[in-house]
Amino acid sequence: MKELPQRELRNNISAVLRAAESGERYVVTVDGRPVAELGPRRPPQWVGPGDVRTVLATPTDPGLLDDVAAQQIEHGLDEDPWTRG
């Protein structure tokens, strides 16, 4: 990832954004301190209910399913939210 001083970003914003759009990634710095990352926008990655069910069936946190059940009760969700159509 290339380092990009804030002044260079300000002076060359159009060229930097074109480069980012085509895949270039930058760390924007202010006075030499990294303050932000700039790169191509990635579309959100959605997972389907089946994938969520698989993950929840084998949680790494043994209390996760209890936490999910408590939230369902607290918010009045009596049905399984993963099977809603």
PDB file of N, CA and C in Angstrom:
ATOM      1  N   MET A   1       0.849  -1.166   0.000  1.00  0.00           N
ATOM      2  CA  MET A   1       0.000   0.000   0.000  1.00  0.00           C
ATOM      3  C   MET A   1       0.903   1.241   0.000  1.00  0.00           C
ATOM      4  N   LYS A   2       0.634   2.154  -0.901  1.00  0.00           N
ATOM      5  CA  LYS A   2       1.453   3.354  -1.018  1.00  0.00           C
ATOM      6  C   LYS A   2       1.074   4.381   0.050  1.00  0.00           C
ATOM      7  N   GLU A   3       2.071   5.112   0.517  1.00  0.00           N
ATOM      8  CA  GLU A   3       1.828   6.217   1.439  1.00  0.00           C
ATOM      9  C   GLU A   3       1.494   7.458   0.623  1.00  0.00           C
ATOM     10  N   LEU A   4       0.482   8.191   1.043  1.00  0.00           N
ATOM     11  CA  LEU A   4       0.021   9.367   0.304  1.00  0.00           C
ATOM     12  C   LEU A   4      -0.166  10.532   1.266  1.00  0.00           C
ATOM     13  N   PRO A   5       0.747  11.514   1.228  1.00  0.00           N
ATOM     14  CA  PRO A   5       0.588  12.679   2.096  1.00  0.00           C
ATOM     15  C   PRO A   5      -0.695  13.446   1.759  1.00  0.00           C
ATOM     16  N   GLN A   6      -1.319  14.011   2.768  1.00  0.00           N
ATOM     17  CA  GLN A   6      -2.571  14.740   2.610  1.00  0.00           C
ATOM     18  C   GLN A   6      -2.441  15.838   1.554  1.00  0.00           C
ATOM     19  N   ARG A   7      -1.324  16.522   1.517  1.00  0.00           N
ATOM     20  CA  ARG A   7      -1.118  17.598   0.536  1.00  0.00           C
ATOM     21  C   ARG A   7      -1.160  17.053  -0.888  1.00  0.00           C
ATOM     22  N   GLU A   8      -0.535  15.904  -1.109  1.00  0.00           N
ATOM     23  CA  GLU A   8      -0.551  15.288  -2.445  1.00  0.00           C
ATOM     24  C   GLU A   8      -1.967  14.862  -2.815  1.00  0.00           C
ATOM     25  N   LEU A   9      -2.704  14.319  -1.844  1.00  0.00           N
ATOM     26  CA  LEU A   9      -4.096  13.949  -2.093  1.00  0.00           C
ATOM     27  C   LEU A   9      -4.894  15.180  -2.513  1.00  0.00           C
ATOM     28  N   ARG A  10      -4.727  16.269  -1.767  1.00  0.00           N
ATOM     29  CA  ARG A  10      -5.458  17.506  -2.069  1.00  0.00           C
ATOM     30  C   ARG A  10      -5.111  18.024  -3.467  1.00  0.00           C
ATOM     31  N   ASN A  11      -3.831  18.010  -3.810  1.00  0.00           N
ATOM     32  CA  ASN A  11      -3.394  18.581  -5.084  1.00  0.00           C
ATOM     33  C   ASN A  11      -3.689  17.689  -6.289  1.00  0.00           C
ATOM     34  N   ASN A  12      -3.833  16.394  -6.071  1.00  0.00           N
ATOM     35  CA  ASN A  12      -4.006  15.446  -7.184  1.00  0.00           C
ATOM     36  C   ASN A  12      -5.230  14.551  -6.994  1.00  0.00           C
ATOM     37  N   ILE A  13      -6.283  15.089  -6.394  1.00  0.00           N
ATOM     38  CA  ILE A  13      -7.423  14.254  -6.017  1.00  0.00           C
ATOM     39  C   ILE A  13      -8.007  13.463  -7.188  1.00  0.00           C
ATOM     40  N   SER A  14      -8.142  14.084  -8.353  1.00  0.00           N
ATOM     41  CA  SER A  14      -8.739  13.375  -9.504  1.00  0.00           C
ATOM     42  C   SER A  14      -7.901  12.175  -9.921  1.00  0.00           C
ATOM     43  N   ALA A  15      -6.589  12.373 -10.028  1.00  0.00           N
ATOM     44  CA  ALA A  15      -5.707  11.276 -10.439  1.00  0.00           C
ATOM     45  C   ALA A  15      -5.678  10.179  -9.380  1.00  0.00           C
ATOM     46  N   VAL A  16      -5.662  10.569  -8.118  1.00  0.00           N
ATOM     47  CA  VAL A  16      -5.637   9.577  -7.030  1.00  0.00           C
ATOM     48  C   VAL A  16      -6.923   8.759  -7.038  1.00  0.00           C
ATOM     49  N   LEU A  17      -8.062   9.412  -7.217  1.00  0.00           N
ATOM     50  CA  LEU A  17      -9.333   8.681  -7.234  1.00  0.00           C
ATOM     51  C   LEU A  17      -9.429   7.750  -8.442  1.00  0.00           C
ATOM     52  N   ARG A  18      -8.917   8.171  -9.584  1.00  0.00           N
ATOM     53  CA  ARG A  18      -8.897   7.267 -10.748  1.00  0.00           C
ATOM     54  C   ARG A  18      -8.031   6.042 -10.456  1.00  0.00           C
ATOM     55  N   ALA A  19      -6.879   6.268  -9.829  1.00  0.00           N
ATOM     56  CA  ALA A  19      -5.990   5.154  -9.492  1.00  0.00           C
ATOM     57  C   ALA A  19      -6.659   4.215  -8.482  1.00  0.00           C
ATOM     58  N   ALA A  20      -7.333   4.800  -7.493  1.00  0.00           N
ATOM     59  CA  ALA A  20      -8.030   3.982  -6.486  1.00  0.00           C
ATOM     60  C   ALA A  20      -9.141   3.174  -7.139  1.00  0.00           C
ATOM     61  N   GLU A  21      -9.855   3.795  -8.045  1.00  0.00           N
ATOM     62  CA  GLU A  21     -10.932   3.094  -8.737  1.00  0.00           C
ATOM     63  C   GLU A  21     -10.402   1.891  -9.518  1.00  0.00           C
ATOM     64  N   SER A  22      -9.180   2.008 -10.030  1.00  0.00           N
ATOM     65  CA  SER A  22      -8.621   0.899 -10.798  1.00  0.00           C
ATOM     66  C   SER A  22      -7.840  -0.093  -9.934  1.00  0.00           C
ATOM     67  N   GLY A  23      -7.914   0.073  -8.592  1.00  0.00           N
ATOM     68  CA  GLY A  23      -7.358  -0.943  -7.705  1.00  0.00           C
ATOM     69  C   GLY A  23      -6.221  -0.501  -6.808  1.00  0.00           C
ATOM     70  N   GLU A  24      -5.684   0.689  -7.005  1.00  0.00           N
ATOM     71  CA  GLU A  24      -4.572   1.160  -6.161  1.00  0.00           C
ATOM     72  C   GLU A  24      -5.073   1.442  -4.744  1.00  0.00           C
ATOM     73  N   ARG A  25      -4.229   1.125  -3.764  1.00  0.00           N
ATOM     74  CA  ARG A  25      -4.584   1.370  -2.358  1.00  0.00           C
ATOM     75  C   ARG A  25      -3.549   2.305  -1.746  1.00  0.00           C
ATOM     76  N   TYR A  26      -4.024   3.226  -0.900  1.00  0.00           N
ATOM     77  CA  TYR A  26      -3.160   4.232  -0.282  1.00  0.00           C
ATOM     78  C   TYR A  26      -3.399   4.311   1.213  1.00  0.00           C
ATOM     79  N   VAL A  27      -2.340   4.709   1.938  1.00  0.00           N
ATOM     80  CA  VAL A  27      -2.461   5.134   3.327  1.00  0.00           C
ATOM     81  C   VAL A  27      -2.260   6.640   3.307  1.00  0.00           C
ATOM     82  N   VAL A  28      -3.284   7.391   3.669  1.00  0.00           N
ATOM     83  CA  VAL A  28      -3.204   8.849   3.680  1.00  0.00           C
ATOM     84  C   VAL A  28      -2.562   9.278   4.996  1.00  0.00           C
ATOM     85  N   THR A  29      -1.571  10.176   4.899  1.00  0.00           N
ATOM     86  CA  THR A  29      -0.858  10.621   6.092  1.00  0.00           C
ATOM     87  C   THR A  29      -1.006  12.133   6.268  1.00  0.00           C
ATOM     88  N   VAL A  30      -0.955  12.550   7.534  1.00  0.00           N
ATOM     89  CA  VAL A  30      -0.918  13.961   7.907  1.00  0.00           C
ATOM     90  C   VAL A  30       0.298  14.126   8.798  1.00  0.00           C
ATOM     91  N   ASP A  31       1.219  14.972   8.395  1.00  0.00           N
ATOM     92  CA  ASP A  31       2.472  15.160   9.131  1.00  0.00           C
ATOM     93  C   ASP A  31       3.175  13.823   9.388  1.00  0.00           C
ATOM     94  N   GLY A  32       3.085  12.918   8.409  1.00  0.00           N
ATOM     95  CA  GLY A  32       3.762  11.628   8.516  1.00  0.00           C
ATOM     96  C   GLY A  32       3.012  10.567   9.302  1.00  0.00           C
ATOM     97  N   ARG A  33       1.878  10.933   9.909  1.00  0.00           N
ATOM     98  CA  ARG A  33       1.069   9.969  10.680  1.00  0.00           C
ATOM     99  C   ARG A  33      -0.009   9.368   9.777  1.00  0.00           C
ATOM    100  N   PRO A  34      -0.142   8.043   9.755  1.00  0.00           N
ATOM    101  CA  PRO A  34      -1.226   7.439   8.972  1.00  0.00           C
ATOM    102  C   PRO A  34      -2.574   7.769   9.612  1.00  0.00           C
ATOM    103  N   VAL A  35      -3.509   8.286   8.810  1.00  0.00           N
ATOM    104  CA  VAL A  35      -4.818   8.667   9.346  1.00  0.00           C
ATOM    105  C   VAL A  35      -5.991   8.000   8.625  1.00  0.00           C
ATOM    106  N   ALA A  36      -5.760   7.475   7.425  1.00  0.00           N
ATOM    107  CA  ALA A  36      -6.866   6.875   6.686  1.00  0.00           C
ATOM    108  C   ALA A  36      -6.323   5.959   5.600  1.00  0.00           C
ATOM    109  N   GLU A  37      -7.198   5.093   5.112  1.00  0.00           N
ATOM    110  CA  GLU A  37      -6.878   4.250   3.973  1.00  0.00           C
ATOM    111  C   GLU A  37      -7.821   4.607   2.838  1.00  0.00           C
ATOM    112  N   LEU A  38      -7.298   4.579   1.634  1.00  0.00           N
ATOM    113  CA  LEU A  38      -8.082   4.908   0.455  1.00  0.00           C
ATOM    114  C   LEU A  38      -7.827   3.824  -0.580  1.00  0.00           C
ATOM    115  N   GLY A  39      -8.902   3.323  -1.154  1.00  0.00           N
ATOM    116  CA  GLY A  39      -8.762   2.288  -2.163  1.00  0.00           C
ATOM    117  C   GLY A  39     -10.066   2.079  -2.888  1.00  0.00           C
ATOM    118  N   PRO A  40     -10.132   1.051  -3.718  1.00  0.00           N
ATOM    119  CA  PRO A  40     -11.349   0.797  -4.486  1.00  0.00           C
ATOM    120  C   PRO A  40     -12.509   0.427  -3.560  1.00  0.00           C
ATOM    121  N   ARG A  41     -13.683   0.852  -3.931  1.00  0.00           N
ATOM    122  CA  ARG A  41     -14.872   0.504  -3.155  1.00  0.00           C
ATOM    123  C   ARG A  41     -15.199  -0.956  -3.427  1.00  0.00           C
ATOM    124  N   ARG A  42     -15.469  -1.661  -2.353  1.00  0.00           N
ATOM    125  CA  ARG A  42     -15.853  -3.067  -2.496  1.00  0.00           C
ATOM    126  C   ARG A  42     -17.345  -3.185  -2.242  1.00  0.00           C
ATOM    127  N   PRO A  43     -18.063  -3.881  -3.109  1.00  0.00           N
ATOM    128  CA  PRO A  43     -19.493  -4.054  -2.856  1.00  0.00           C
ATOM    129  C   PRO A  43     -19.703  -4.887  -1.594  1.00  0.00           C
ATOM    130  N   PRO A  44     -20.802  -4.639  -0.881  1.00  0.00           N
ATOM    131  CA  PRO A  44     -21.071  -5.436   0.318  1.00  0.00           C
ATOM    132  C   PRO A  44     -21.172  -6.918  -0.029  1.00  0.00           C
ATOM    133  N   GLN A  45     -20.696  -7.754   0.859  1.00  0.00           N
ATOM    134  CA  GLN A  45     -20.785  -9.195   0.649  1.00  0.00           C
ATOM    135  C   GLN A  45     -21.860  -9.746   1.575  1.00  0.00           C
ATOM    136  N   TRP A  46     -22.947 -10.196   0.968  1.00  0.00           N
ATOM    137  CA  TRP A  46     -24.072 -10.700   1.735  1.00  0.00           C
ATOM    138  C   TRP A  46     -23.988 -12.216   1.825  1.00  0.00           C
ATOM    139  N   VAL A  47     -24.434 -12.732   2.935  1.00  0.00           N
ATOM    140  CA  VAL A  47     -24.522 -14.182   3.079  1.00  0.00           C
ATOM    141  C   VAL A  47     -25.985 -14.547   3.247  1.00  0.00           C
ATOM    142  N   GLY A  48     -26.333 -15.693   2.763  1.00  0.00           N
ATOM    143  CA  GLY A  48     -27.716 -16.136   2.844  1.00  0.00           C
ATOM    144  C   GLY A  48     -28.039 -16.766   4.185  1.00  0.00           C
ATOM    145  N   PRO A  49     -29.324 -16.992   4.437  1.00  0.00           N
ATOM    146  CA  PRO A  49     -29.745 -17.583   5.708  1.00  0.00           C
ATOM    147  C   PRO A  49     -29.126 -18.950   5.967  1.00  0.00           C
ATOM    148  N   GLY A  50     -28.903 -19.716   4.921  1.00  0.00           N
ATOM    149  CA  GLY A  50     -28.288 -21.039   5.097  1.00  0.00           C
ATOM    150  C   GLY A  50     -26.874 -20.928   5.634  1.00  0.00           C
ATOM    151  N   ASP A  51     -26.127 -19.957   5.130  1.00  0.00           N
ATOM    152  CA  ASP A  51     -24.760 -19.753   5.614  1.00  0.00           C
ATOM    153  C   ASP A  51     -24.758 -19.299   7.071  1.00  0.00           C
ATOM    154  N   VAL A  52     -25.687 -18.418   7.410  1.00  0.00           N
ATOM    155  CA  VAL A  52     -25.779 -17.950   8.794  1.00  0.00           C
ATOM    156  C   VAL A  52     -26.124 -19.114   9.712  1.00  0.00           C
ATOM    157  N   ARG A  53     -27.077 -19.951   9.281  1.00  0.00           N
ATOM    158  CA  ARG A  53     -27.451 -21.115  10.078  1.00  0.00           C
ATOM    159  C   ARG A  53     -26.241 -22.026  10.321  1.00  0.00           C
ATOM    160  N   THR A  54     -25.424 -22.231   9.298  1.00  0.00           N
ATOM    161  CA  THR A  54     -24.235 -23.079   9.410  1.00  0.00           C
ATOM    162  C   THR A  54     -23.254 -22.496  10.423  1.00  0.00           C
ATOM    163  N   VAL A  55     -23.017 -21.196  10.342  1.00  0.00           N
ATOM    164  CA  VAL A  55     -22.101 -20.550  11.286  1.00  0.00           C
ATOM    165  C   VAL A  55     -22.640 -20.650  12.706  1.00  0.00           C
ATOM    166  N   LEU A  56     -23.931 -20.401  12.882  1.00  0.00           N
ATOM    167  CA  LEU A  56     -24.513 -20.454  14.226  1.00  0.00           C
ATOM    168  C   LEU A  56     -24.577 -21.869  14.780  1.00  0.00           C
ATOM    169  N   ALA A  57     -24.586 -22.859  13.901  1.00  0.00           N
ATOM    170  CA  ALA A  57     -24.638 -24.249  14.362  1.00  0.00           C
ATOM    171  C   ALA A  57     -23.309 -24.684  14.976  1.00  0.00           C
ATOM    172  N   THR A  58     -22.232 -24.005  14.618  1.00  0.00           N
ATOM    173  CA  THR A  58     -20.918 -24.362  15.155  1.00  0.00           C
ATOM    174  C   THR A  58     -20.194 -23.103  15.649  1.00  0.00           C
ATOM    175  N   PRO A  59     -20.773 -22.405  16.633  1.00  0.00           N
ATOM    176  CA  PRO A  59     -20.152 -21.157  17.086  1.00  0.00           C
ATOM    177  C   PRO A  59     -18.841 -21.403  17.820  1.00  0.00           C
ATOM    178  N   THR A  60     -17.922 -20.464  17.691  1.00  0.00           N
ATOM    179  CA  THR A  60     -16.673 -20.553  18.440  1.00  0.00           C
ATOM    180  C   THR A  60     -16.871 -20.058  19.863  1.00  0.00           C
ATOM    181  N   ASP A  61     -17.912 -19.257  20.074  1.00  0.00           N
ATOM    182  CA  ASP A  61     -18.244 -18.763  21.413  1.00  0.00           C
ATOM    183  C   ASP A  61     -19.406 -19.608  21.929  1.00  0.00           C
ATOM    184  N   PRO A  62     -19.179 -20.418  22.965  1.00  0.00           N
ATOM    185  CA  PRO A  62     -20.231 -21.319  23.428  1.00  0.00           C
ATOM    186  C   PRO A  62     -21.496 -20.588  23.889  1.00  0.00           C
ATOM    187  N   GLY A  63     -21.409 -19.329  24.270  1.00  0.00           N
ATOM    188  CA  GLY A  63     -22.578 -18.591  24.743  1.00  0.00           C
ATOM    189  C   GLY A  63     -23.313 -17.835  23.648  1.00  0.00           C
ATOM    190  N   LEU A  64     -22.834 -17.924  22.389  1.00  0.00           N
ATOM    191  CA  LEU A  64     -23.430 -17.149  21.311  1.00  0.00           C
ATOM    192  C   LEU A  64     -24.903 -17.475  21.099  1.00  0.00           C
ATOM    193  N   LEU A  65     -25.245 -18.754  21.041  1.00  0.00           N
ATOM    194  CA  LEU A  65     -26.638 -19.127  20.793  1.00  0.00           C
ATOM    195  C   LEU A  65     -27.544 -18.656  21.921  1.00  0.00           C
ATOM    196  N   ASP A  66     -27.056 -18.684  23.158  1.00  0.00           N
ATOM    197  CA  ASP A  66     -27.839 -18.168  24.282  1.00  0.00           C
ATOM    198  C   ASP A  66     -28.052 -16.670  24.135  1.00  0.00           C
ATOM    199  N   ASP A  67     -27.030 -15.944  23.696  1.00  0.00           N
ATOM    200  CA  ASP A  67     -27.149 -14.504  23.486  1.00  0.00           C
ATOM    201  C   ASP A  67     -28.162 -14.189  22.388  1.00  0.00           C
ATOM    202  N   VAL A  68     -28.114 -14.962  21.292  1.00  0.00           N
ATOM    203  CA  VAL A  68     -29.058 -14.756  20.196  1.00  0.00           C
ATOM    204  C   VAL A  68     -30.479 -15.034  20.686  1.00  0.00           C
ATOM    205  N   ALA A  69     -30.673 -16.107  21.417  1.00  0.00           N
ATOM    206  CA  ALA A  69     -32.003 -16.445  21.941  1.00  0.00           C
ATOM    207  C   ALA A  69     -32.503 -15.352  22.881  1.00  0.00           C
ATOM    208  N   ALA A  70     -31.631 -14.818  23.727  1.00  0.00           N
ATOM    209  CA  ALA A  70     -32.023 -13.747  24.651  1.00  0.00           C
ATOM    210  C   ALA A  70     -32.456 -12.505  23.873  1.00  0.00           C
ATOM    211  N   GLN A  71     -31.762 -12.184  22.801  1.00  0.00           N
ATOM    212  CA  GLN A  71     -32.142 -11.027  21.979  1.00  0.00           C
ATOM    213  C   GLN A  71     -33.494 -11.258  21.300  1.00  0.00           C
ATOM    214  N   GLN A  72     -33.725 -12.485  20.848  1.00  0.00           N
ATOM    215  CA  GLN A  72     -35.012 -12.795  20.226  1.00  0.00           C
ATOM    216  C   GLN A  72     -36.146 -12.585  21.226  1.00  0.00           C
ATOM    217  N   ILE A  73     -35.962 -13.063  22.445  1.00  0.00           N
ATOM    218  CA  ILE A  73     -36.987 -12.912  23.475  1.00  0.00           C
ATOM    219  C   ILE A  73     -37.166 -11.437  23.813  1.00  0.00           C
ATOM    220  N   GLU A  74     -36.057 -10.728  23.997  1.00  0.00           N
ATOM    221  CA  GLU A  74     -36.113  -9.309  24.376  1.00  0.00           C
ATOM    222  C   GLU A  74     -36.844  -8.473  23.327  1.00  0.00           C
ATOM    223  N   HIS A  75     -36.696  -8.830  22.058  1.00  0.00           N
ATOM    224  CA  HIS A  75     -37.308  -8.055  20.985  1.00  0.00           C
ATOM    225  C   HIS A  75     -38.600  -8.685  20.457  1.00  0.00           C
ATOM    226  N   GLY A  76     -39.117  -9.658  21.181  1.00  0.00           N
ATOM    227  CA  GLY A  76     -40.407 -10.251  20.832  1.00  0.00           C
ATOM    228  C   GLY A  76     -40.411 -11.072  19.568  1.00  0.00           C
ATOM    229  N   LEU A  77     -39.311 -11.699  19.263  1.00  0.00           N
ATOM    230  CA  LEU A  77     -39.236 -12.540  18.070  1.00  0.00           C
ATOM    231  C   LEU A  77     -39.455 -13.992  18.472  1.00  0.00           C
ATOM    232  N   ASP A  78     -40.701 -14.427  18.400  1.00  0.00           N
ATOM    233  CA  ASP A  78     -41.015 -15.791  18.812  1.00  0.00           C
ATOM    234  C   ASP A  78     -40.647 -16.815  17.746  1.00  0.00           C
ATOM    235  N   GLU A  79     -40.634 -16.366  16.485  1.00  0.00           N
ATOM    236  CA  GLU A  79     -40.328 -17.306  15.405  1.00  0.00           C
ATOM    237  C   GLU A  79     -38.843 -17.261  15.071  1.00  0.00           C
ATOM    238  N   ASP A  80     -38.398 -18.245  14.320  1.00  0.00           N
ATOM    239  CA  ASP A  80     -37.005 -18.308  13.883  1.00  0.00           C
ATOM    240  C   ASP A  80     -36.784 -17.245  12.805  1.00  0.00           C
ATOM    241  N   PRO A  81     -35.965 -16.203  13.059  1.00  0.00           N
ATOM    242  CA  PRO A  81     -35.809 -15.125  12.078  1.00  0.00           C
ATOM    243  C   PRO A  81     -35.148 -15.584  10.789  1.00  0.00           C
ATOM    244  N   TRP A  82     -34.489 -16.723  10.780  1.00  0.00           N
ATOM    245  CA  TRP A  82     -33.787 -17.189   9.581  1.00  0.00           C
ATOM    246  C   TRP A  82     -34.734 -17.878   8.601  1.00  0.00           C
ATOM    247  N   THR A  83     -35.955 -18.182   9.039  1.00  0.00           N
ATOM    248  CA  THR A  83     -36.876 -18.895   8.144  1.00  0.00           C
ATOM    249  C   THR A  83     -37.987 -17.979   7.635  1.00  0.00           C
ATOM    250  N   ARG A  84     -37.958 -16.714   8.000  1.00  0.00           N
ATOM    251  CA  ARG A  84     -38.972 -15.781   7.482  1.00  0.00           C
ATOM    252  C   ARG A  84     -38.811 -15.621   5.988  1.00  0.00           C
ATOM    253  N   GLY A  85     -39.940 -15.513   5.291  1.00  0.00           N
ATOM    254  CA  GLY A  85     -39.897 -15.391   3.848  1.00  0.00           C
ATOM    255  C   GLY A  85     -39.981 -14.045   3.397  1.00  0.00           C
TER     256      GLY A  85
END
